[in-house]
Amino acid sequence: MPKVKSITRLLPLSEFKLFGSLLSATSKIEKSVNKQMAIHTQINKLFQENFDGASPDVQAQNTQKIFELLEELKGVEM
């Protein structure tokens, strides 16, 4: 059975650390994008409910929720 080289032997230590940092940054960006997509999905659902003929009271509630979600969206870090 052939021996498998580990990634640390294939890359110099400085490049291995850079690779680890890039993986960490990519993970953070992916989480941020997923959070943004979830918020956009909620906003789209509320808009659709308003456009489908919700009562004025429900439209007002949905509009308020949309503004709250937009504020939350501004706070999502990239």
C-alpha atoms as a PDB file:
ATOM      1  CA  MET A   1       0.000   0.000   0.000  1.00  0.00           C
ATOM      2  CA  PRO A   2       1.565   3.347  -1.036  1.00  0.00           C
ATOM      3  CA  LYS A   3       2.124   6.015   1.554  1.00  0.00           C
ATOM      4  CA  VAL A   4       0.036   9.157   1.166  1.00  0.00           C
ATOM      5  CA  LYS A   5       1.773  12.483   1.625  1.00  0.00           C
ATOM      6  CA  SER A   6       0.018  14.881   3.935  1.00  0.00           C
ATOM      7  CA  ILE A   7      -0.830  18.360   2.744  1.00  0.00           C
ATOM      8  CA  THR A   8       1.693  19.833   5.181  1.00  0.00           C
ATOM      9  CA  ARG A   9       4.471  18.062   3.302  1.00  0.00           C
ATOM     10  CA  LEU A  10       3.201  19.260  -0.043  1.00  0.00           C
ATOM     11  CA  LEU A  11       3.031  22.934   0.954  1.00  0.00           C
ATOM     12  CA  PRO A  12       5.562  25.047   2.821  1.00  0.00           C
ATOM     13  CA  LEU A  13       4.334  26.100   6.270  1.00  0.00           C
ATOM     14  CA  SER A  14       3.695  29.714   5.230  1.00  0.00           C
ATOM     15  CA  GLU A  15       1.526  28.594   2.306  1.00  0.00           C
ATOM     16  CA  PHE A  16      -0.274  26.079   4.506  1.00  0.00           C
ATOM     17  CA  LYS A  17      -1.139  28.863   6.969  1.00  0.00           C
ATOM     18  CA  LEU A  18      -2.352  31.044   4.096  1.00  0.00           C
ATOM     19  CA  PHE A  19      -4.472  28.159   2.812  1.00  0.00           C
ATOM     20  CA  GLY A  20      -6.002  27.754   6.290  1.00  0.00           C
ATOM     21  CA  SER A  21      -6.749  31.472   6.492  1.00  0.00           C
ATOM     22  CA  LEU A  22      -8.424  31.392   3.085  1.00  0.00           C
ATOM     23  CA  LEU A  23     -10.576  28.441   4.125  1.00  0.00           C
ATOM     24  CA  SER A  24     -11.633  30.283   7.270  1.00  0.00           C
ATOM     25  CA  ALA A  25     -12.472  33.448   5.331  1.00  0.00           C
ATOM     26  CA  THR A  26     -14.415  31.443   2.762  1.00  0.00           C
ATOM     27  CA  SER A  27     -16.436  29.818   5.528  1.00  0.00           C
ATOM     28  CA  LYS A  28     -17.304  33.210   7.035  1.00  0.00           C
ATOM     29  CA  ILE A  29     -18.346  34.576   3.650  1.00  0.00           C
ATOM     30  CA  GLU A  30     -20.488  31.512   2.980  1.00  0.00           C
ATOM     31  CA  LYS A  31     -22.284  31.942   6.319  1.00  0.00           C
ATOM     32  CA  SER A  32     -22.864  35.627   5.568  1.00  0.00           C
ATOM     33  CA  VAL A  33     -24.227  34.893   2.098  1.00  0.00           C
ATOM     34  CA  ASN A  34     -26.534  32.205   3.483  1.00  0.00           C
ATOM     35  CA  LYS A  35     -27.840  34.665   6.094  1.00  0.00           C
ATOM     36  CA  GLN A  36     -28.424  37.312   3.412  1.00  0.00           C
ATOM     37  CA  MET A  37     -30.244  34.813   1.200  1.00  0.00           C
ATOM     38  CA  ALA A  38     -32.493  33.779   4.090  1.00  0.00           C
ATOM     39  CA  ILE A  39     -33.402  37.411   4.789  1.00  0.00           C
ATOM     40  CA  HIS A  40     -34.098  38.066   1.094  1.00  0.00           C
ATOM     41  CA  THR A  41     -36.335  34.997   0.999  1.00  0.00           C
ATOM     42  CA  GLN A  42     -38.348  36.334   3.945  1.00  0.00           C
ATOM     43  CA  ILE A  43     -38.637  39.765   2.323  1.00  0.00           C
ATOM     44  CA  ASN A  44     -39.769  38.275  -0.991  1.00  0.00           C
ATOM     45  CA  LYS A  45     -42.396  36.173   0.792  1.00  0.00           C
ATOM     46  CA  LEU A  46     -43.792  39.254   2.544  1.00  0.00           C
ATOM     47  CA  PHE A  47     -43.851  41.266  -0.707  1.00  0.00           C
ATOM     48  CA  GLN A  48     -45.614  38.418  -2.474  1.00  0.00           C
ATOM     49  CA  GLU A  49     -48.222  38.222   0.282  1.00  0.00           C
ATOM     50  CA  ASN A  50     -48.837  41.972  -0.054  1.00  0.00           C
ATOM     51  CA  PHE A  51     -49.117  41.784  -3.840  1.00  0.00           C
ATOM     52  CA  ASP A  52     -51.456  38.796  -3.659  1.00  0.00           C
ATOM     53  CA  GLY A  53     -54.105  40.967  -2.011  1.00  0.00           C
ATOM     54  CA  ALA A  54     -53.547  40.838   1.732  1.00  0.00           C
ATOM     55  CA  SER A  55     -55.773  43.042   3.864  1.00  0.00           C
ATOM     56  CA  PRO A  56     -54.516  46.572   4.615  1.00  0.00           C
ATOM     57  CA  ASP A  57     -53.699  45.577   8.212  1.00  0.00           C
ATOM     58  CA  VAL A  58     -51.646  42.583   7.058  1.00  0.00           C
ATOM     59  CA  GLN A  59     -49.944  44.737   4.424  1.00  0.00           C
ATOM     60  CA  ALA A  60     -48.983  47.257   7.109  1.00  0.00           C
ATOM     61  CA  GLN A  61     -47.574  44.484   9.322  1.00  0.00           C
ATOM     62  CA  ASN A  62     -45.686  42.976   6.393  1.00  0.00           C
ATOM     63  CA  THR A  63     -44.275  46.359   5.415  1.00  0.00           C
ATOM     64  CA  GLN A  64     -43.043  46.896   8.971  1.00  0.00           C
ATOM     65  CA  LYS A  65     -41.437  43.434   8.965  1.00  0.00           C
ATOM     66  CA  ILE A  66     -39.794  44.221   5.619  1.00  0.00           C
ATOM     67  CA  PHE A  67     -38.233  47.391   7.051  1.00  0.00           C
ATOM     68  CA  GLU A  68     -36.999  45.432  10.077  1.00  0.00           C
ATOM     69  CA  LEU A  69     -35.497  42.764   7.815  1.00  0.00           C
ATOM     70  CA  LEU A  70     -33.799  45.432   5.688  1.00  0.00           C
ATOM     71  CA  GLU A  71     -32.186  46.843   8.829  1.00  0.00           C
ATOM     72  CA  GLU A  72     -31.077  43.340   9.792  1.00  0.00           C
ATOM     73  CA  LEU A  73     -29.670  42.885   6.292  1.00  0.00           C
ATOM     74  CA  LYS A  74     -27.571  46.033   6.690  1.00  0.00           C
ATOM     75  CA  GLY A  75     -26.020  44.524   9.809  1.00  0.00           C
ATOM     76  CA  VAL A  76     -24.925  41.268   8.190  1.00  0.00           C
ATOM     77  CA  GLU A  77     -21.139  41.309   7.995  1.00  0.00           C
ATOM     78  CA  MET A  78     -19.260  40.264   4.912  1.00  0.00           C
END
